Structures are given as structure tokens and as C-alpha cells.
N, C-alpha and C. Protein backbone atom coordinates (compact mmCIF):
# COMPACT_ATOMS: atom_id res chain seq x y z
N MET A 1 121.32 157.08 109.00
CA MET A 1 120.50 156.24 108.16
C MET A 1 121.19 154.91 107.92
N SER A 2 120.46 153.87 107.99
CA SER A 2 121.05 152.55 107.76
C SER A 2 120.83 152.11 106.32
N GLU A 3 121.79 151.35 105.85
CA GLU A 3 121.69 150.84 104.49
C GLU A 3 121.09 149.45 104.51
N HIS A 4 120.19 149.20 103.61
CA HIS A 4 119.59 147.88 103.48
C HIS A 4 120.06 147.26 102.17
N ASN A 5 120.53 146.05 102.27
CA ASN A 5 120.92 145.32 101.06
C ASN A 5 119.75 144.47 100.62
N HIS A 6 119.06 144.93 99.63
CA HIS A 6 117.93 144.18 99.10
C HIS A 6 118.39 143.43 97.86
N GLU A 7 118.27 142.11 97.94
CA GLU A 7 118.58 141.32 96.77
C GLU A 7 117.42 141.42 95.79
N THR A 8 117.75 141.48 94.53
CA THR A 8 116.68 141.50 93.54
C THR A 8 116.34 140.07 93.18
N HIS A 9 115.09 139.77 93.17
CA HIS A 9 114.61 138.45 92.82
C HIS A 9 113.87 138.54 91.49
N GLU A 10 114.11 137.53 90.67
CA GLU A 10 113.37 137.54 89.41
C GLU A 10 111.92 137.18 89.68
N PRO A 11 111.01 137.76 88.92
CA PRO A 11 109.59 137.50 89.17
C PRO A 11 109.21 136.05 88.88
N VAL A 12 108.23 135.58 89.62
CA VAL A 12 107.75 134.22 89.44
C VAL A 12 106.79 134.21 88.26
N PRO A 13 106.99 133.29 87.32
CA PRO A 13 106.09 133.26 86.16
C PRO A 13 104.68 132.83 86.55
N TYR A 14 103.71 133.32 85.78
CA TYR A 14 102.31 132.99 86.04
C TYR A 14 102.06 131.50 85.96
N ARG A 15 102.80 130.82 85.12
CA ARG A 15 102.63 129.37 84.95
C ARG A 15 102.85 128.64 86.28
N THR A 16 103.82 129.09 87.05
CA THR A 16 104.09 128.49 88.36
C THR A 16 102.89 128.65 89.28
N PHE A 17 102.32 129.85 89.30
CA PHE A 17 101.15 130.09 90.15
C PHE A 17 99.97 129.22 89.73
N ILE A 18 99.79 129.07 88.44
CA ILE A 18 98.68 128.24 87.95
C ILE A 18 98.91 126.78 88.32
N LEU A 19 100.14 126.29 88.18
CA LEU A 19 100.43 124.90 88.55
C LEU A 19 100.24 124.64 90.04
N ILE A 20 100.65 125.60 90.86
CA ILE A 20 100.47 125.45 92.31
C ILE A 20 98.98 125.48 92.64
N TRP A 21 98.22 126.34 91.97
CA TRP A 21 96.78 126.39 92.20
C TRP A 21 96.12 125.07 91.83
N VAL A 22 96.53 124.49 90.71
CA VAL A 22 95.99 123.19 90.29
C VAL A 22 96.36 122.12 91.32
N ALA A 23 97.59 122.16 91.81
CA ALA A 23 98.01 121.20 92.85
C ALA A 23 97.17 121.36 94.11
N LEU A 24 96.85 122.59 94.48
CA LEU A 24 96.01 122.82 95.66
C LEU A 24 94.60 122.29 95.45
N ILE A 25 94.07 122.44 94.26
CA ILE A 25 92.74 121.90 93.94
C ILE A 25 92.77 120.37 94.03
N ILE A 26 93.80 119.75 93.48
CA ILE A 26 93.92 118.29 93.54
C ILE A 26 94.06 117.82 94.98
N LEU A 27 94.86 118.51 95.77
CA LEU A 27 95.02 118.13 97.17
C LEU A 27 93.73 118.32 97.97
N THR A 28 92.93 119.30 97.59
CA THR A 28 91.62 119.46 98.22
C THR A 28 90.74 118.25 97.89
N GLY A 29 90.81 117.78 96.65
CA GLY A 29 90.09 116.57 96.27
C GLY A 29 90.58 115.35 97.05
N VAL A 30 91.89 115.27 97.28
CA VAL A 30 92.45 114.17 98.08
C VAL A 30 91.91 114.25 99.51
N THR A 31 91.84 115.44 100.06
CA THR A 31 91.31 115.61 101.41
C THR A 31 89.86 115.14 101.49
N ILE A 32 89.06 115.51 100.50
CA ILE A 32 87.66 115.09 100.48
C ILE A 32 87.55 113.58 100.31
N ALA A 33 88.38 113.01 99.43
CA ALA A 33 88.34 111.56 99.21
C ALA A 33 88.74 110.79 100.47
N VAL A 34 89.74 111.26 101.16
CA VAL A 34 90.19 110.59 102.39
C VAL A 34 89.13 110.69 103.48
N SER A 35 88.39 111.79 103.50
CA SER A 35 87.36 111.93 104.53
C SER A 35 86.21 110.95 104.34
N ARG A 36 86.05 110.44 103.12
CA ARG A 36 84.96 109.51 102.83
C ARG A 36 85.38 108.04 102.96
N VAL A 37 86.68 107.80 103.17
CA VAL A 37 87.19 106.45 103.33
C VAL A 37 87.50 106.23 104.81
N ASP A 38 87.12 105.08 105.34
CA ASP A 38 87.36 104.80 106.75
C ASP A 38 88.74 104.18 106.93
N LEU A 39 89.70 104.99 107.37
CA LEU A 39 91.05 104.52 107.63
C LEU A 39 91.34 104.43 109.12
N LYS A 40 90.30 104.50 109.93
CA LYS A 40 90.41 104.49 111.40
C LYS A 40 91.25 105.68 111.86
N GLU A 41 92.32 105.41 112.59
CA GLU A 41 93.15 106.49 113.15
C GLU A 41 93.97 107.22 112.09
N LEU A 42 94.17 106.60 110.95
CA LEU A 42 95.00 107.23 109.91
C LEU A 42 94.31 108.40 109.23
N ASN A 43 92.99 108.50 109.32
CA ASN A 43 92.29 109.63 108.70
C ASN A 43 92.84 110.96 109.18
N ILE A 44 93.06 111.06 110.47
CA ILE A 44 93.56 112.31 111.05
C ILE A 44 94.95 112.63 110.53
N TRP A 45 95.82 111.63 110.52
CA TRP A 45 97.20 111.85 110.10
C TRP A 45 97.29 112.20 108.61
N VAL A 46 96.51 111.53 107.79
CA VAL A 46 96.52 111.84 106.35
C VAL A 46 95.97 113.25 106.12
N ALA A 47 94.89 113.60 106.79
CA ALA A 47 94.31 114.94 106.63
C ALA A 47 95.30 116.02 107.08
N LEU A 48 95.98 115.79 108.20
CA LEU A 48 96.96 116.77 108.67
C LEU A 48 98.17 116.84 107.75
N GLY A 49 98.57 115.71 107.20
CA GLY A 49 99.69 115.71 106.26
C GLY A 49 99.37 116.49 105.00
N VAL A 50 98.18 116.26 104.46
CA VAL A 50 97.76 116.98 103.26
C VAL A 50 97.62 118.48 103.56
N ALA A 51 97.05 118.81 104.71
CA ALA A 51 96.90 120.22 105.08
C ALA A 51 98.25 120.90 105.26
N SER A 52 99.20 120.18 105.87
CA SER A 52 100.55 120.75 106.04
C SER A 52 101.21 120.98 104.68
N PHE A 53 101.05 120.02 103.78
CA PHE A 53 101.64 120.17 102.45
C PHE A 53 101.01 121.34 101.70
N LYS A 54 99.68 121.48 101.81
CA LYS A 54 99.00 122.59 101.14
C LYS A 54 99.45 123.93 101.72
N SER A 55 99.57 124.01 103.03
CA SER A 55 100.01 125.27 103.63
C SER A 55 101.45 125.58 103.24
N SER A 56 102.28 124.55 103.10
CA SER A 56 103.66 124.78 102.66
C SER A 56 103.69 125.33 101.24
N LEU A 57 102.85 124.80 100.36
CA LEU A 57 102.78 125.33 98.99
C LEU A 57 102.38 126.79 98.99
N VAL A 58 101.38 127.13 99.78
CA VAL A 58 100.92 128.52 99.84
C VAL A 58 102.02 129.42 100.37
N LEU A 59 102.68 128.98 101.45
CA LEU A 59 103.74 129.80 102.03
C LEU A 59 104.91 129.98 101.08
N PHE A 60 105.35 128.90 100.46
CA PHE A 60 106.53 128.98 99.62
C PHE A 60 106.30 129.74 98.31
N PHE A 61 105.14 129.57 97.69
CA PHE A 61 104.96 130.16 96.37
C PHE A 61 104.12 131.43 96.39
N PHE A 62 102.96 131.41 97.04
CA PHE A 62 102.11 132.59 97.01
C PHE A 62 102.59 133.69 97.96
N MET A 63 103.27 133.29 99.05
CA MET A 63 103.78 134.29 99.98
C MET A 63 105.29 134.51 99.80
N HIS A 64 105.86 133.93 98.75
CA HIS A 64 107.25 134.13 98.34
C HIS A 64 108.27 133.76 99.41
N LEU A 65 107.95 132.76 100.21
CA LEU A 65 108.90 132.30 101.23
C LEU A 65 110.11 131.64 100.57
N ARG A 66 109.93 131.18 99.38
CA ARG A 66 111.01 130.53 98.64
C ARG A 66 112.19 131.48 98.43
N GLN A 67 111.94 132.76 98.46
CA GLN A 67 112.99 133.74 98.23
C GLN A 67 113.62 134.24 99.53
N GLU A 68 113.18 133.73 100.66
CA GLU A 68 113.75 134.11 101.95
C GLU A 68 115.01 133.28 102.23
N SER A 69 115.66 133.58 103.36
CA SER A 69 116.87 132.86 103.70
C SER A 69 116.55 131.40 104.07
N ARG A 70 117.54 130.55 103.91
CA ARG A 70 117.37 129.12 104.16
C ARG A 70 117.01 128.84 105.61
N LEU A 71 117.62 129.54 106.54
CA LEU A 71 117.34 129.34 107.96
C LEU A 71 115.88 129.63 108.29
N PHE A 72 115.35 130.70 107.73
CA PHE A 72 113.95 131.07 107.96
C PHE A 72 113.01 130.02 107.40
N ARG A 73 113.31 129.52 106.20
CA ARG A 73 112.46 128.51 105.56
C ARG A 73 112.44 127.21 106.36
N VAL A 74 113.62 126.75 106.76
CA VAL A 74 113.70 125.50 107.52
C VAL A 74 113.00 125.66 108.87
N GLY A 75 113.19 126.79 109.51
CA GLY A 75 112.54 127.03 110.80
C GLY A 75 111.03 127.01 110.69
N LEU A 76 110.50 127.60 109.66
CA LEU A 76 109.05 127.61 109.47
C LEU A 76 108.51 126.23 109.15
N LEU A 77 109.23 125.46 108.35
CA LEU A 77 108.78 124.10 108.05
C LEU A 77 108.81 123.22 109.30
N ILE A 78 109.82 123.39 110.12
CA ILE A 78 109.87 122.63 111.39
C ILE A 78 108.69 123.03 112.26
N LEU A 79 108.36 124.30 112.31
CA LEU A 79 107.22 124.76 113.08
C LEU A 79 105.93 124.12 112.58
N LEU A 80 105.74 124.04 111.26
CA LEU A 80 104.53 123.43 110.72
C LEU A 80 104.45 121.95 111.06
N VAL A 81 105.56 121.25 111.01
CA VAL A 81 105.58 119.82 111.34
C VAL A 81 105.25 119.62 112.81
N ILE A 82 105.83 120.43 113.68
CA ILE A 82 105.55 120.31 115.11
C ILE A 82 104.09 120.62 115.40
N LEU A 83 103.54 121.63 114.74
CA LEU A 83 102.12 121.96 114.93
C LEU A 83 101.23 120.80 114.50
N ALA A 84 101.56 120.19 113.36
CA ALA A 84 100.77 119.05 112.88
C ALA A 84 100.86 117.87 113.86
N ILE A 85 102.03 117.64 114.42
CA ILE A 85 102.19 116.54 115.39
C ILE A 85 101.36 116.82 116.62
N PHE A 86 101.42 118.04 117.15
CA PHE A 86 100.64 118.36 118.35
C PHE A 86 99.15 118.24 118.10
N LEU A 87 98.69 118.73 116.96
CA LEU A 87 97.26 118.60 116.65
C LEU A 87 96.88 117.14 116.48
N GLY A 88 97.72 116.37 115.81
CA GLY A 88 97.44 114.96 115.62
C GLY A 88 97.40 114.21 116.94
N LEU A 89 98.33 114.48 117.83
CA LEU A 89 98.34 113.81 119.13
C LEU A 89 97.13 114.22 119.97
N THR A 90 96.69 115.46 119.82
CA THR A 90 95.48 115.89 120.52
C THR A 90 94.27 115.11 120.02
N PHE A 91 94.17 114.93 118.71
CA PHE A 91 93.05 114.16 118.16
C PHE A 91 93.11 112.70 118.60
N VAL A 92 94.32 112.13 118.66
CA VAL A 92 94.45 110.75 119.11
C VAL A 92 94.05 110.62 120.57
N ASP A 93 94.42 111.61 121.39
CA ASP A 93 94.04 111.60 122.80
C ASP A 93 92.52 111.62 122.95
N VAL A 94 91.86 112.46 122.17
CA VAL A 94 90.39 112.56 122.22
C VAL A 94 89.77 111.26 121.70
N LEU A 95 90.39 110.65 120.70
CA LEU A 95 89.86 109.43 120.10
C LEU A 95 89.82 108.26 121.09
N TYR A 96 90.82 108.17 121.95
CA TYR A 96 90.92 107.03 122.87
C TYR A 96 90.42 107.33 124.28
N ARG A 97 89.61 108.32 124.46
CA ARG A 97 89.05 108.58 125.79
C ARG A 97 87.81 107.79 126.01
């Protein structure tokens, strides 16, 4: 049998979850507001930036990624940034065809 060293983490207070939820609602409003303003090519980048930030909030707080190891957190954030860049470049490619 193998031994697992489980670190005990203190529970996240409900206030944190409520604040993150409010931030997600505000960021959704920002996404809607940006979609109604004509920023030309920047619309895509702003929308992807806001979406990346919202997904980071969900991952870190609601999925408790904040309590994982630093290497795992940094790796996942790099993955999200690379995904946003690839999607953004795909949209720019389609825009200029």
C-alpha cells in the first residue's frame, strides 16, 4: 500500500465565492458592452482576453486550482494563454481573407 501525503487546506469562505461570482457577472457585462462597440480587429482580442480571465477565475476559485502546486498552476495558465493566441490568430486569418 502506498502512502499519500494529503495537505489539509482551509476551506474557502463563502464571501470569496460571492465576490468571484460578482466579478464574473461584471466581466460578462464587459463582454456584452465590447460586442456592441466597433473596435475593428481589437474586438476579438478583448473578447478573448476577458474570456481567458473569466476562465482563470473559475479554475482558480471554483475548481480550487489555487490550492494545487505552483508548477501545475503556471502550466495551466500558459496553456490558456496559448489557446487564446491560437484562437485569436485564427480569427485574424479569417478576417483578412
